[in-house]
């Protein structure tokens, strides 16, 4: 993330782990709505809540944390701006930590149906 920011590449605002709901409100004040709360150890949509109204934030935070704790044994949550109908390119960098890295580009376009076309 820091490399992208330093290179001037726009990124979606997001947080490290938030300590409490006050951190979530501070994020919303700075970046606006909608946001998504995500389980730090999550996957498969568990521990995720989209918040479109500020009055929903506290209960969504509690539900996301509780579900994350139950599903993954860790209730840690982070928050980011939620993008409606995003299109994205994922770049994965693999390396052995010594010789060099390979870059695999994975392009995914999400359609309204929820399906995606992918190519490597």
PDB file of N, CA and C in Angstrom:
ATOM      1  N   UNK A   1       0.820  -1.189   0.000  1.00  0.00           N
ATOM      2  CA  UNK A   1       0.000   0.000   0.000  1.00  0.00           C
ATOM      3  C   UNK A   1       0.859   1.245   0.000  1.00  0.00           C
ATOM      4  N   UNK A   2       1.908   1.265   0.792  1.00  0.00           N
ATOM      5  CA  UNK A   2       2.724   2.457   0.890  1.00  0.00           C
ATOM      6  C   UNK A   2       3.444   2.746  -0.417  1.00  0.00           C
ATOM      7  N   UNK A   3       3.850   1.708  -1.137  1.00  0.00           N
ATOM      8  CA  UNK A   3       4.508   1.903  -2.423  1.00  0.00           C
ATOM      9  C   UNK A   3       3.537   2.554  -3.395  1.00  0.00           C
ATOM     10  N   UNK A   4       2.294   2.076  -3.418  1.00  0.00           N
ATOM     11  CA  UNK A   4       1.285   2.650  -4.308  1.00  0.00           C
ATOM     12  C   UNK A   4       1.036   4.114  -3.967  1.00  0.00           C
ATOM     13  N   UNK A   5       0.908   4.421  -2.688  1.00  0.00           N
ATOM     14  CA  UNK A   5       0.664   5.799  -2.255  1.00  0.00           C
ATOM     15  C   UNK A   5       1.824   6.690  -2.662  1.00  0.00           C
ATOM     16  N   UNK A   6       3.042   6.233  -2.427  1.00  0.00           N
ATOM     17  CA  UNK A   6       4.228   7.018  -2.778  1.00  0.00           C
ATOM     18  C   UNK A   6       4.312   7.252  -4.277  1.00  0.00           C
ATOM     19  N   UNK A   7       3.791   6.305  -5.067  1.00  0.00           N
ATOM     20  CA  UNK A   7       3.815   6.432  -6.522  1.00  0.00           C
ATOM     21  C   UNK A   7       2.652   7.263  -7.050  1.00  0.00           C
ATOM     22  N   UNK A   8       1.789   7.745  -6.160  1.00  0.00           N
ATOM     23  CA  UNK A   8       0.661   8.568  -6.573  1.00  0.00           C
ATOM     24  C   UNK A   8      -0.518   7.780  -7.105  1.00  0.00           C
ATOM     25  N   UNK A   9      -0.551   6.485  -6.839  1.00  0.00           N
ATOM     26  CA  UNK A   9      -1.654   5.645  -7.291  1.00  0.00           C
ATOM     27  C   UNK A   9      -2.793   5.777  -6.285  1.00  0.00           C
ATOM     28  N   UNK A  10      -4.000   6.116  -6.755  1.00  0.00           N
ATOM     29  CA  UNK A  10      -5.113   6.240  -5.811  1.00  0.00           C
ATOM     30  C   UNK A  10      -5.458   4.892  -5.182  1.00  0.00           C
ATOM     31  N   UNK A  11      -5.715   4.905  -3.897  1.00  0.00           N
ATOM     32  CA  UNK A  11      -6.100   3.693  -3.187  1.00  0.00           C
ATOM     33  C   UNK A  11      -7.383   3.961  -2.410  1.00  0.00           C
ATOM     34  N   UNK A  12      -8.068   2.911  -2.070  1.00  0.00           N
ATOM     35  CA  UNK A  12      -9.271   3.021  -1.252  1.00  0.00           C
ATOM     36  C   UNK A  12      -8.835   3.281   0.183  1.00  0.00           C
ATOM     37  N   UNK A  13      -9.364   4.331   0.823  1.00  0.00           N
ATOM     38  CA  UNK A  13      -9.001   4.581   2.225  1.00  0.00           C
ATOM     39  C   UNK A  13      -9.404   3.403   3.104  1.00  0.00           C
ATOM     40  N   UNK A  14      -8.490   3.005   3.974  1.00  0.00           N
ATOM     41  CA  UNK A  14      -8.748   1.905   4.892  1.00  0.00           C
ATOM     42  C   UNK A  14      -7.896   2.051   6.134  1.00  0.00           C
ATOM     43  N   UNK A  15      -8.175   1.230   7.121  1.00  0.00           N
ATOM     44  CA  UNK A  15      -7.488   1.327   8.403  1.00  0.00           C
ATOM     45  C   UNK A  15      -6.700   0.060   8.696  1.00  0.00           C
ATOM     46  N   UNK A  16      -5.843   0.167   9.691  1.00  0.00           N
ATOM     47  CA  UNK A  16      -5.327  -1.022  10.353  1.00  0.00           C
ATOM     48  C   UNK A  16      -6.441  -1.440  11.304  1.00  0.00           C
ATOM     49  N   UNK A  17      -6.193  -2.361  12.182  1.00  0.00           N
ATOM     50  CA  UNK A  17      -7.209  -2.799  13.142  1.00  0.00           C
ATOM     51  C   UNK A  17      -7.731  -1.594  13.927  1.00  0.00           C
ATOM     52  N   UNK A  18      -9.049  -1.524  14.067  1.00  0.00           N
ATOM     53  CA  UNK A  18      -9.623  -0.450  14.878  1.00  0.00           C
ATOM     54  C   UNK A  18      -9.874  -0.983  16.285  1.00  0.00           C
ATOM     55  N   UNK A  19      -9.614  -0.138  17.287  1.00  0.00           N
ATOM     56  CA  UNK A  19      -9.686  -0.570  18.691  1.00  0.00           C
ATOM     57  C   UNK A  19     -11.109  -0.608  19.218  1.00  0.00           C
ATOM     58  N   UNK A  20     -11.941   0.311  18.716  1.00  0.00           N
ATOM     59  CA  UNK A  20     -13.298   0.411  19.240  1.00  0.00           C
ATOM     60  C   UNK A  20     -14.169   1.170  18.250  1.00  0.00           C
ATOM     61  N   UNK A  21     -15.441   1.297  18.580  1.00  0.00           N
ATOM     62  CA  UNK A  21     -16.376   1.948  17.669  1.00  0.00           C
ATOM     63  C   UNK A  21     -16.052   3.436  17.483  1.00  0.00           C
ATOM     64  N   UNK A  22     -15.382   4.045  18.468  1.00  0.00           N
ATOM     65  CA  UNK A  22     -14.967   5.444  18.324  1.00  0.00           C
ATOM     66  C   UNK A  22     -14.002   5.596  17.148  1.00  0.00           C
ATOM     67  N   UNK A  23     -13.112   4.615  16.948  1.00  0.00           N
ATOM     68  CA  UNK A  23     -12.215   4.646  15.784  1.00  0.00           C
ATOM     69  C   UNK A  23     -13.012   4.575  14.485  1.00  0.00           C
ATOM     70  N   UNK A  24     -14.071   3.782  14.484  1.00  0.00           N
ATOM     71  CA  UNK A  24     -14.912   3.669  13.297  1.00  0.00           C
ATOM     72  C   UNK A  24     -15.605   4.997  12.997  1.00  0.00           C
ATOM     73  N   UNK A  25     -16.124   5.656  14.035  1.00  0.00           N
ATOM     74  CA  UNK A  25     -16.768   6.957  13.826  1.00  0.00           C
ATOM     75  C   UNK A  25     -15.769   7.998  13.324  1.00  0.00           C
ATOM     76  N   UNK A  26     -14.541   7.958  13.837  1.00  0.00           N
ATOM     77  CA  UNK A  26     -13.511   8.900  13.387  1.00  0.00           C
ATOM     78  C   UNK A  26     -13.180   8.673  11.909  1.00  0.00           C
ATOM     79  N   UNK A  27     -13.131   7.399  11.507  1.00  0.00           N
ATOM     80  CA  UNK A  27     -12.867   7.077  10.101  1.00  0.00           C
ATOM     81  C   UNK A  27     -13.989   7.623   9.217  1.00  0.00           C
ATOM     82  N   UNK A  28     -15.233   7.409   9.634  1.00  0.00           N
ATOM     83  CA  UNK A  28     -16.385   7.888   8.861  1.00  0.00           C
ATOM     84  C   UNK A  28     -16.374   9.411   8.771  1.00  0.00           C
ATOM     85  N   UNK A  29     -16.015  10.071   9.853  1.00  0.00           N
ATOM     86  CA  UNK A  29     -15.955  11.536   9.839  1.00  0.00           C
ATOM     87  C   UNK A  29     -14.928  12.022   8.818  1.00  0.00           C
ATOM     88  N   UNK A  30     -13.805  11.326   8.728  1.00  0.00           N
ATOM     89  CA  UNK A  30     -12.737  11.733   7.821  1.00  0.00           C
ATOM     90  C   UNK A  30     -13.020  11.364   6.367  1.00  0.00           C
ATOM     91  N   UNK A  31     -13.554  10.141   6.125  1.00  0.00           N
ATOM     92  CA  UNK A  31     -13.673   9.633   4.759  1.00  0.00           C
ATOM     93  C   UNK A  31     -15.097   9.522   4.236  1.00  0.00           C
ATOM     94  N   UNK A  32     -16.089   9.612   5.117  1.00  0.00           N
ATOM     95  CA  UNK A  32     -17.472   9.535   4.680  1.00  0.00           C
ATOM     96  C   UNK A  32     -18.006   8.121   4.566  1.00  0.00           C
ATOM     97  N   UNK A  33     -19.255   8.031   4.128  1.00  0.00           N
ATOM     98  CA  UNK A  33     -19.967   6.773   3.950  1.00  0.00           C
ATOM     99  C   UNK A  33     -20.183   6.516   2.462  1.00  0.00           C
ATOM    100  N   UNK A  34     -20.426   5.304   2.048  1.00  0.00           N
ATOM    101  CA  UNK A  34     -20.530   4.076   2.826  1.00  0.00           C
ATOM    102  C   UNK A  34     -19.146   3.518   3.175  1.00  0.00           C
ATOM    103  N   UNK A  35     -19.129   2.670   4.207  1.00  0.00           N
ATOM    104  CA  UNK A  35     -17.916   1.968   4.621  1.00  0.00           C
ATOM    105  C   UNK A  35     -18.241   0.492   4.763  1.00  0.00           C
ATOM    106  N   UNK A  36     -17.195  -0.311   4.848  1.00  0.00           N
ATOM    107  CA  UNK A  36     -17.373  -1.725   5.128  1.00  0.00           C
ATOM    108  C   UNK A  36     -16.469  -2.085   6.301  1.00  0.00           C
ATOM    109  N   UNK A  37     -17.050  -2.782   7.251  1.00  0.00           N
ATOM    110  CA  UNK A  37     -16.309  -3.313   8.390  1.00  0.00           C
ATOM    111  C   UNK A  37     -15.945  -4.745   8.027  1.00  0.00           C
ATOM    112  N   UNK A  38     -14.686  -5.118   8.237  1.00  0.00           N
ATOM    113  CA  UNK A  38     -14.221  -6.450   7.837  1.00  0.00           C
ATOM    114  C   UNK A  38     -13.475  -7.130   8.969  1.00  0.00           C
ATOM    115  N   UNK A  39     -13.693  -8.419   9.094  1.00  0.00           N
ATOM    116  CA  UNK A  39     -12.940  -9.219  10.056  1.00  0.00           C
ATOM    117  C   UNK A  39     -11.502  -9.333   9.570  1.00  0.00           C
ATOM    118  N   UNK A  40     -10.553  -9.011  10.443  1.00  0.00           N
ATOM    119  CA  UNK A  40      -9.143  -9.053  10.064  1.00  0.00           C
ATOM    120  C   UNK A  40      -8.688 -10.462   9.703  1.00  0.00           C
ATOM    121  N   UNK A  41      -9.255 -11.469  10.342  1.00  0.00           N
ATOM    122  CA  UNK A  41      -8.870 -12.858  10.083  1.00  0.00           C
ATOM    123  C   UNK A  41      -9.894 -13.576   9.225  1.00  0.00           C
ATOM    124  N   UNK A  42     -10.763 -12.814   8.563  1.00  0.00           N
ATOM    125  CA  UNK A  42     -11.932 -13.383   7.919  1.00  0.00           C
ATOM    126  C   UNK A  42     -11.745 -13.912   6.522  1.00  0.00           C
ATOM    127  N   UNK A  43     -12.846 -14.359   6.015  1.00  0.00           N
ATOM    128  CA  UNK A  43     -12.943 -14.871   4.666  1.00  0.00           C
ATOM    129  C   UNK A  43     -14.361 -15.340   4.415  1.00  0.00           C
ATOM    130  N   UNK A  44     -14.719 -15.443   3.178  1.00  0.00           N
ATOM    131  CA  UNK A  44     -16.032 -15.963   2.820  1.00  0.00           C
ATOM    132  C   UNK A  44     -17.195 -15.061   3.197  1.00  0.00           C
ATOM    133  N   UNK A  45     -16.922 -13.780   3.411  1.00  0.00           N
ATOM    134  CA  UNK A  45     -17.987 -12.838   3.739  1.00  0.00           C
ATOM    135  C   UNK A  45     -18.359 -12.786   5.206  1.00  0.00           C
ATOM    136  N   UNK A  46     -17.773 -13.637   6.030  1.00  0.00           N
ATOM    137  CA  UNK A  46     -18.086 -13.621   7.465  1.00  0.00           C
ATOM    138  C   UNK A  46     -17.403 -12.440   8.136  1.00  0.00           C
ATOM    139  N   UNK A  47     -18.110 -11.842   9.080  1.00  0.00           N
ATOM    140  CA  UNK A  47     -17.561 -10.710   9.806  1.00  0.00           C
ATOM    141  C   UNK A  47     -17.480  -9.450   8.978  1.00  0.00           C
ATOM    142  N   UNK A  48     -18.313  -9.355   7.944  1.00  0.00           N
ATOM    143  CA  UNK A  48     -18.330  -8.164   7.091  1.00  0.00           C
ATOM    144  C   UNK A  48     -19.686  -7.484   7.177  1.00  0.00           C
ATOM    145  N   UNK A  49     -19.673  -6.159   7.293  1.00  0.00           N
ATOM    146  CA  UNK A  49     -20.907  -5.387   7.328  1.00  0.00           C
ATOM    147  C   UNK A  49     -20.721  -4.091   6.554  1.00  0.00           C
ATOM    148  N   UNK A  50     -21.610  -3.827   5.608  1.00  0.00           N
ATOM    149  CA  UNK A  50     -21.620  -2.559   4.895  1.00  0.00           C
ATOM    150  C   UNK A  50     -22.484  -1.591   5.684  1.00  0.00           C
ATOM    151  N   UNK A  51     -21.981  -0.383   5.869  1.00  0.00           N
ATOM    152  CA  UNK A  51     -22.706   0.645   6.620  1.00  0.00           C
ATOM    153  C   UNK A  51     -22.932   1.838   5.689  1.00  0.00           C
ATOM    154  N   UNK A  52     -24.210   2.171   5.489  1.00  0.00           N
ATOM    155  CA  UNK A  52     -24.570   3.284   4.615  1.00  0.00           C
ATOM    156  C   UNK A  52     -25.095   4.493   5.387  1.00  0.00           C
ATOM    157  N   UNK A  53     -25.488   4.263   6.662  1.00  0.00           N
ATOM    158  CA  UNK A  53     -26.012   5.339   7.506  1.00  0.00           C
ATOM    159  C   UNK A  53     -25.249   5.344   8.821  1.00  0.00           C
ATOM    160  N   UNK A  54     -24.877   6.535   9.292  1.00  0.00           N
ATOM    161  CA  UNK A  54     -24.075   6.647  10.499  1.00  0.00           C
ATOM    162  C   UNK A  54     -24.738   5.989  11.705  1.00  0.00           C
ATOM    163  N   UNK A  55     -26.063   6.041  11.782  1.00  0.00           N
ATOM    164  CA  UNK A  55     -26.753   5.445  12.931  1.00  0.00           C
ATOM    165  C   UNK A  55     -26.676   3.915  12.942  1.00  0.00           C
ATOM    166  N   UNK A  56     -26.242   3.296  11.850  1.00  0.00           N
ATOM    167  CA  UNK A  56     -26.069   1.841  11.781  1.00  0.00           C
ATOM    168  C   UNK A  56     -24.672   1.398  12.205  1.00  0.00           C
ATOM    169  N   UNK A  57     -23.748   2.341  12.364  1.00  0.00           N
ATOM    170  CA  UNK A  57     -22.342   2.009  12.551  1.00  0.00           C
ATOM    171  C   UNK A  57     -22.068   1.222  13.827  1.00  0.00           C
ATOM    172  N   UNK A  58     -22.622   1.656  14.948  1.00  0.00           N
ATOM    173  CA  UNK A  58     -22.322   0.991  16.218  1.00  0.00           C
ATOM    174  C   UNK A  58     -22.801  -0.458  16.229  1.00  0.00           C
ATOM    175  N   UNK A  59     -24.039  -0.696  15.802  1.00  0.00           N
ATOM    176  CA  UNK A  59     -24.543  -2.072  15.819  1.00  0.00           C
ATOM    177  C   UNK A  59     -23.807  -2.944  14.794  1.00  0.00           C
ATOM    178  N   UNK A  60     -23.456  -2.377  13.645  1.00  0.00           N
ATOM    179  CA  UNK A  60     -22.711  -3.139  12.643  1.00  0.00           C
ATOM    180  C   UNK A  60     -21.328  -3.511  13.166  1.00  0.00           C
ATOM    181  N   UNK A  61     -20.697  -2.590  13.895  1.00  0.00           N
ATOM    182  CA  UNK A  61     -19.388  -2.861  14.486  1.00  0.00           C
ATOM    183  C   UNK A  61     -19.483  -4.020  15.478  1.00  0.00           C
ATOM    184  N   UNK A  62     -20.488  -3.967  16.329  1.00  0.00           N
ATOM    185  CA  UNK A  62     -20.668  -5.029  17.330  1.00  0.00           C
ATOM    186  C   UNK A  62     -20.953  -6.373  16.665  1.00  0.00           C
ATOM    187  N   UNK A  63     -21.831  -6.389  15.660  1.00  0.00           N
ATOM    188  CA  UNK A  63     -22.173  -7.639  14.970  1.00  0.00           C
ATOM    189  C   UNK A  63     -20.979  -8.208  14.211  1.00  0.00           C
ATOM    190  N   UNK A  64     -20.246  -7.357  13.515  1.00  0.00           N
ATOM    191  CA  UNK A  64     -19.085  -7.827  12.750  1.00  0.00           C
ATOM    192  C   UNK A  64     -18.032  -8.422  13.683  1.00  0.00           C
ATOM    193  N   UNK A  65     -17.757  -7.740  14.797  1.00  0.00           N
ATOM    194  CA  UNK A  65     -16.767  -8.231  15.752  1.00  0.00           C
ATOM    195  C   UNK A  65     -17.187  -9.543  16.390  1.00  0.00           C
ATOM    196  N   UNK A  66     -18.455  -9.642  16.750  1.00  0.00           N
ATOM    197  CA  UNK A  66     -18.979 -10.855  17.369  1.00  0.00           C
ATOM    198  C   UNK A  66     -18.918 -12.032  16.400  1.00  0.00           C
ATOM    199  N   UNK A  67     -19.317 -11.791  15.161  1.00  0.00           N
ATOM    200  CA  UNK A  67     -19.285 -12.853  14.152  1.00  0.00           C
ATOM    201  C   UNK A  67     -17.845 -13.267  13.851  1.00  0.00           C
ATOM    202  N   UNK A  68     -16.938 -12.307  13.783  1.00  0.00           N
ATOM    203  CA  UNK A  68     -15.527 -12.619  13.533  1.00  0.00           C
ATOM    204  C   UNK A  68     -14.954 -13.461  14.664  1.00  0.00           C
ATOM    205  N   UNK A  69     -15.274 -13.101  15.894  1.00  0.00           N
ATOM    206  CA  UNK A  69     -14.782 -13.854  17.048  1.00  0.00           C
ATOM    207  C   UNK A  69     -15.305 -15.284  17.025  1.00  0.00           C
ATOM    208  N   UNK A  70     -16.583 -15.429  16.727  1.00  0.00           N
ATOM    209  CA  UNK A  70     -17.202 -16.753  16.686  1.00  0.00           C
ATOM    210  C   UNK A  70     -16.639 -17.609  15.543  1.00  0.00           C
ATOM    211  N   UNK A  71     -16.489 -17.014  14.368  1.00  0.00           N
ATOM    212  CA  UNK A  71     -16.064 -17.777  13.196  1.00  0.00           C
ATOM    213  C   UNK A  71     -14.561 -18.032  13.142  1.00  0.00           C
ATOM    214  N   UNK A  72     -13.759 -17.060  13.613  1.00  0.00           N
ATOM    215  CA  UNK A  72     -12.316 -17.140  13.414  1.00  0.00           C
ATOM    216  C   UNK A  72     -11.508 -17.118  14.707  1.00  0.00           C
ATOM    217  N   UNK A  73     -12.194 -16.949  15.838  1.00  0.00           N
ATOM    218  CA  UNK A  73     -11.484 -16.906  17.110  1.00  0.00           C
ATOM    219  C   UNK A  73     -10.773 -15.596  17.364  1.00  0.00           C
ATOM    220  N   UNK A  74     -11.068 -14.581  16.563  1.00  0.00           N
ATOM    221  CA  UNK A  74     -10.438 -13.266  16.684  1.00  0.00           C
ATOM    222  C   UNK A  74     -11.456 -12.222  16.226  1.00  0.00           C
ATOM    223  N   UNK A  75     -11.815 -11.312  17.116  1.00  0.00           N
ATOM    224  CA  UNK A  75     -12.822 -10.310  16.799  1.00  0.00           C
ATOM    225  C   UNK A  75     -12.265  -9.020  16.234  1.00  0.00           C
ATOM    226  N   UNK A  76     -10.996  -9.021  15.829  1.00  0.00           N
ATOM    227  CA  UNK A  76     -10.375  -7.805  15.296  1.00  0.00           C
ATOM    228  C   UNK A  76     -11.049  -7.386  13.996  1.00  0.00           C
ATOM    229  N   UNK A  77     -11.337  -6.085  13.906  1.00  0.00           N
ATOM    230  CA  UNK A  77     -12.044  -5.512  12.752  1.00  0.00           C
ATOM    231  C   UNK A  77     -11.208  -4.398  12.149  1.00  0.00           C
ATOM    232  N   UNK A  78     -11.274  -4.255  10.828  1.00  0.00           N
ATOM    233  CA  UNK A  78     -10.761  -3.048  10.197  1.00  0.00           C
ATOM    234  C   UNK A  78     -11.860  -2.461   9.338  1.00  0.00           C
ATOM    235  N   UNK A  79     -11.666  -1.240   8.893  1.00  0.00           N
ATOM    236  CA  UNK A  79     -12.703  -0.506   8.175  1.00  0.00           C
ATOM    237  C   UNK A  79     -12.100   0.109   6.921  1.00  0.00           C
ATOM    238  N   UNK A  80     -12.885   0.150   5.864  1.00  0.00           N
ATOM    239  CA  UNK A  80     -12.455   0.848   4.649  1.00  0.00           C
ATOM    240  C   UNK A  80     -13.663   1.442   3.945  1.00  0.00           C
ATOM    241  N   UNK A  81     -13.398   2.379   3.059  1.00  0.00           N
ATOM    242  CA  UNK A  81     -14.479   2.930   2.248  1.00  0.00           C
ATOM    243  C   UNK A  81     -15.049   1.812   1.403  1.00  0.00           C
ATOM    244  N   UNK A  82     -16.351   1.769   1.265  1.00  0.00           N
ATOM    245  CA  UNK A  82     -17.019   0.756   0.460  1.00  0.00           C
ATOM    246  C   UNK A  82     -17.286   1.339  -0.917  1.00  0.00           C
ATOM    247  N   UNK A  83     -16.822   0.651  -1.939  1.00  0.00           N
ATOM    248  CA  UNK A  83     -17.042   1.085  -3.309  1.00  0.00           C
ATOM    249  C   UNK A  83     -18.192   0.285  -3.901  1.00  0.00           C
ATOM    250  N   UNK A  84     -19.176   0.982  -4.429  1.00  0.00           N
ATOM    251  CA  UNK A  84     -20.325   0.337  -5.056  1.00  0.00           C
ATOM    252  C   UNK A  84     -19.952   0.002  -6.496  1.00  0.00           C
ATOM    253  N   UNK A  85     -20.138  -1.248  -6.876  1.00  0.00           N
ATOM    254  CA  UNK A  85     -19.817  -1.748  -8.218  1.00  0.00           C
ATOM    255  C   UNK A  85     -18.382  -1.423  -8.651  1.00  0.00           C
ATOM    256  N   UNK A  86     -17.408  -1.861  -7.894  1.00  0.00           N
ATOM    257  CA  UNK A  86     -16.024  -1.546  -8.278  1.00  0.00           C
ATOM    258  C   UNK A  86     -15.533  -2.412  -9.434  1.00  0.00           C
ATOM    259  N   UNK A  87     -14.561  -1.907 -10.134  1.00  0.00           N
ATOM    260  CA  UNK A  87     -13.808  -2.655 -11.136  1.00  0.00           C
ATOM    261  C   UNK A  87     -12.363  -2.550 -10.681  1.00  0.00           C
ATOM    262  N   UNK A  88     -11.654  -3.648 -10.748  1.00  0.00           N
ATOM    263  CA  UNK A  88     -10.302  -3.601 -10.214  1.00  0.00           C
ATOM    264  C   UNK A  88      -9.343  -4.514 -10.962  1.00  0.00           C
ATOM    265  N   UNK A  89      -8.078  -4.224 -10.764  1.00  0.00           N
ATOM    266  CA  UNK A  89      -6.998  -5.072 -11.247  1.00  0.00           C
ATOM    267  C   UNK A  89      -6.183  -5.463 -10.021  1.00  0.00           C
ATOM    268  N   UNK A  90      -5.967  -6.732  -9.855  1.00  0.00           N
ATOM    269  CA  UNK A  90      -5.156  -7.208  -8.743  1.00  0.00           C
ATOM    270  C   UNK A  90      -3.763  -7.550  -9.264  1.00  0.00           C
ATOM    271  N   UNK A  91      -2.761  -7.137  -8.543  1.00  0.00           N
ATOM    272  CA  UNK A  91      -1.392  -7.498  -8.870  1.00  0.00           C
ATOM    273  C   UNK A  91      -0.822  -8.226  -7.664  1.00  0.00           C
ATOM    274  N   UNK A  92      -0.328  -9.411  -7.884  1.00  0.00           N
ATOM    275  CA  UNK A  92       0.269 -10.185  -6.809  1.00  0.00           C
ATOM    276  C   UNK A  92       1.759 -10.313  -7.078  1.00  0.00           C
ATOM    277  N   UNK A  93       2.553 -10.036  -6.068  1.00  0.00           N
ATOM    278  CA  UNK A  93       3.999 -10.126  -6.198  1.00  0.00           C
ATOM    279  C   UNK A  93       4.479 -11.293  -5.351  1.00  0.00           C
ATOM    280  N   UNK A  94       5.155 -12.221  -5.988  1.00  0.00           N
ATOM    281  CA  UNK A  94       5.676 -13.397  -5.314  1.00  0.00           C
ATOM    282  C   UNK A  94       7.192 -13.318  -5.297  1.00  0.00           C
ATOM    283  N   UNK A  95       7.788 -13.712  -4.206  1.00  0.00           N
ATOM    284  CA  UNK A  95       9.238 -13.700  -4.143  1.00  0.00           C
ATOM    285  C   UNK A  95       9.743 -14.649  -3.084  1.00  0.00           C
ATOM    286  N   UNK A  96      10.999 -14.993  -3.189  1.00  0.00           N
ATOM    287  CA  UNK A  96      11.596 -15.879  -2.206  1.00  0.00           C
ATOM    288  C   UNK A  96      12.349 -15.114  -1.133  1.00  0.00           C
ATOM    289  N   UNK A  97      12.324 -13.781  -1.210  1.00  0.00           N
ATOM    290  CA  UNK A  97      12.992 -12.958  -0.214  1.00  0.00           C
ATOM    291  C   UNK A  97      14.480 -12.827  -0.444  1.00  0.00           C
ATOM    292  N   UNK A  98      14.989 -13.438  -1.513  1.00  0.00           N
ATOM    293  CA  UNK A  98      16.431 -13.382  -1.734  1.00  0.00           C
ATOM    294  C   UNK A  98      16.794 -13.009  -3.160  1.00  0.00           C
ATOM    295  N   UNK A  99      16.269 -13.723  -4.139  1.00  0.00           N
ATOM    296  CA  UNK A  99      16.723 -13.552  -5.504  1.00  0.00           C
ATOM    297  C   UNK A  99      15.935 -12.509  -6.281  1.00  0.00           C
ATOM    298  N   UNK A 100      14.668 -12.470  -6.135  1.00  0.00           N
ATOM    299  CA  UNK A 100      13.866 -11.539  -6.909  1.00  0.00           C
ATOM    300  C   UNK A 100      12.413 -11.900  -6.822  1.00  0.00           C
ATOM    301  N   UNK A 101      11.623 -11.226  -7.581  1.00  0.00           N
ATOM    302  CA  UNK A 101      10.179 -11.427  -7.514  1.00  0.00           C
ATOM    303  C   UNK A 101       9.613 -11.624  -8.905  1.00  0.00           C
ATOM    304  N   UNK A 102       8.487 -12.291  -8.944  1.00  0.00           N
ATOM    305  CA  UNK A 102       7.716 -12.438 -10.166  1.00  0.00           C
ATOM    306  C   UNK A 102       6.399 -11.708  -9.964  1.00  0.00           C
ATOM    307  N   UNK A 103       5.883 -11.140 -10.996  1.00  0.00           N
ATOM    308  CA  UNK A 103       4.608 -10.429 -10.905  1.00  0.00           C
ATOM    309  C   UNK A 103       3.578 -11.187 -11.727  1.00  0.00           C
ATOM    310  N   UNK A 104       2.493 -11.514 -11.071  1.00  0.00           N
ATOM    311  CA  UNK A 104       1.354 -12.131 -11.746  1.00  0.00           C
ATOM    312  C   UNK A 104       0.224 -11.115 -11.736  1.00  0.00           C
ATOM    313  N   UNK A 105      -0.317 -10.832 -12.878  1.00  0.00           N
ATOM    314  CA  UNK A 105      -1.422  -9.883 -12.956  1.00  0.00           C
ATOM    315  C   UNK A 105      -2.714 -10.655 -13.167  1.00  0.00           C
ATOM    316  N   UNK A 106      -3.668 -10.357 -12.330  1.00  0.00           N
ATOM    317  CA  UNK A 106      -4.959 -11.031 -12.394  1.00  0.00           C
ATOM    318  C   UNK A 106      -6.015  -9.950 -12.601  1.00  0.00           C
ATOM    319  N   UNK A 107      -6.661  -9.985 -13.727  1.00  0.00           N
ATOM    320  CA  UNK A 107      -7.660  -8.975 -14.045  1.00  0.00           C
ATOM    321  C   UNK A 107      -9.042  -9.568 -13.836  1.00  0.00           C
ATOM    322  N   UNK A 108      -9.837  -8.883 -13.052  1.00  0.00           N
ATOM    323  CA  UNK A 108     -11.191  -9.372 -12.789  1.00  0.00           C
ATOM    324  C   UNK A 108     -12.192  -8.253 -12.994  1.00  0.00           C
ATOM    325  N   UNK A 109     -13.202  -8.514 -13.751  1.00  0.00           N
ATOM    326  CA  UNK A 109     -14.273  -7.552 -13.954  1.00  0.00           C
ATOM    327  C   UNK A 109     -15.541  -8.133 -13.362  1.00  0.00           C
ATOM    328  N   UNK A 110     -16.102  -7.445 -12.412  1.00  0.00           N
ATOM    329  CA  UNK A 110     -17.329  -7.917 -11.779  1.00  0.00           C
ATOM    330  C   UNK A 110     -18.531  -7.424 -12.575  1.00  0.00           C
ATOM    331  N   UNK A 111     -19.417  -8.339 -12.839  1.00  0.00           N
ATOM    332  CA  UNK A 111     -20.645  -7.990 -13.554  1.00  0.00           C
ATOM    333  C   UNK A 111     -21.788  -7.892 -12.563  1.00  0.00           C
ATOM    334  N   UNK A 112     -22.874  -7.355 -13.013  1.00  0.00           N
ATOM    335  CA  UNK A 112     -24.055  -7.207 -12.148  1.00  0.00           C
ATOM    336  C   UNK A 112     -24.511  -8.546 -11.591  1.00  0.00           C
ATOM    337  N   UNK A 113     -24.337  -9.603 -12.326  1.00  0.00           N
ATOM    338  CA  UNK A 113     -24.810 -10.913 -11.881  1.00  0.00           C
ATOM    339  C   UNK A 113     -23.965 -11.486 -10.749  1.00  0.00           C
ATOM    340  N   UNK A 114     -22.847 -10.833 -10.453  1.00  0.00           N
ATOM    341  CA  UNK A 114     -21.955 -11.354  -9.434  1.00  0.00           C
ATOM    342  C   UNK A 114     -20.888 -12.276  -9.999  1.00  0.00           C
ATOM    343  N   UNK A 115     -20.993 -12.582 -11.285  1.00  0.00           N
ATOM    344  CA  UNK A 115     -19.986 -13.414 -11.931  1.00  0.00           C
ATOM    345  C   UNK A 115     -18.797 -12.533 -12.311  1.00  0.00           C
ATOM    346  N   UNK A 116     -17.669 -13.144 -12.542  1.00  0.00           N
ATOM    347  CA  UNK A 116     -16.558 -12.345 -13.016  1.00  0.00           C
ATOM    348  C   UNK A 116     -15.788 -13.085 -14.086  1.00  0.00           C
ATOM    349  N   UNK A 117     -15.239 -12.303 -14.988  1.00  0.00           N
ATOM    350  CA  UNK A 117     -14.368 -12.821 -16.031  1.00  0.00           C
ATOM    351  C   UNK A 117     -12.947 -12.631 -15.555  1.00  0.00           C
ATOM    352  N   UNK A 118     -12.145 -13.642 -15.600  1.00  0.00           N
ATOM    353  CA  UNK A 118     -10.775 -13.541 -15.108  1.00  0.00           C
ATOM    354  C   UNK A 118      -9.806 -14.062 -16.149  1.00  0.00           C
ATOM    355  N   UNK A 119      -8.634 -13.469 -16.176  1.00  0.00           N
ATOM    356  CA  UNK A 119      -7.572 -13.985 -17.032  1.00  0.00           C
ATOM    357  C   UNK A 119      -6.244 -13.726 -16.344  1.00  0.00           C
ATOM    358  N   UNK A 120      -5.305 -14.594 -16.589  1.00  0.00           N
ATOM    359  CA  UNK A 120      -3.964 -14.415 -16.039  1.00  0.00           C
ATOM    360  C   UNK A 120      -3.013 -14.255 -17.196  1.00  0.00           C
TER     361      UNK A 120
END
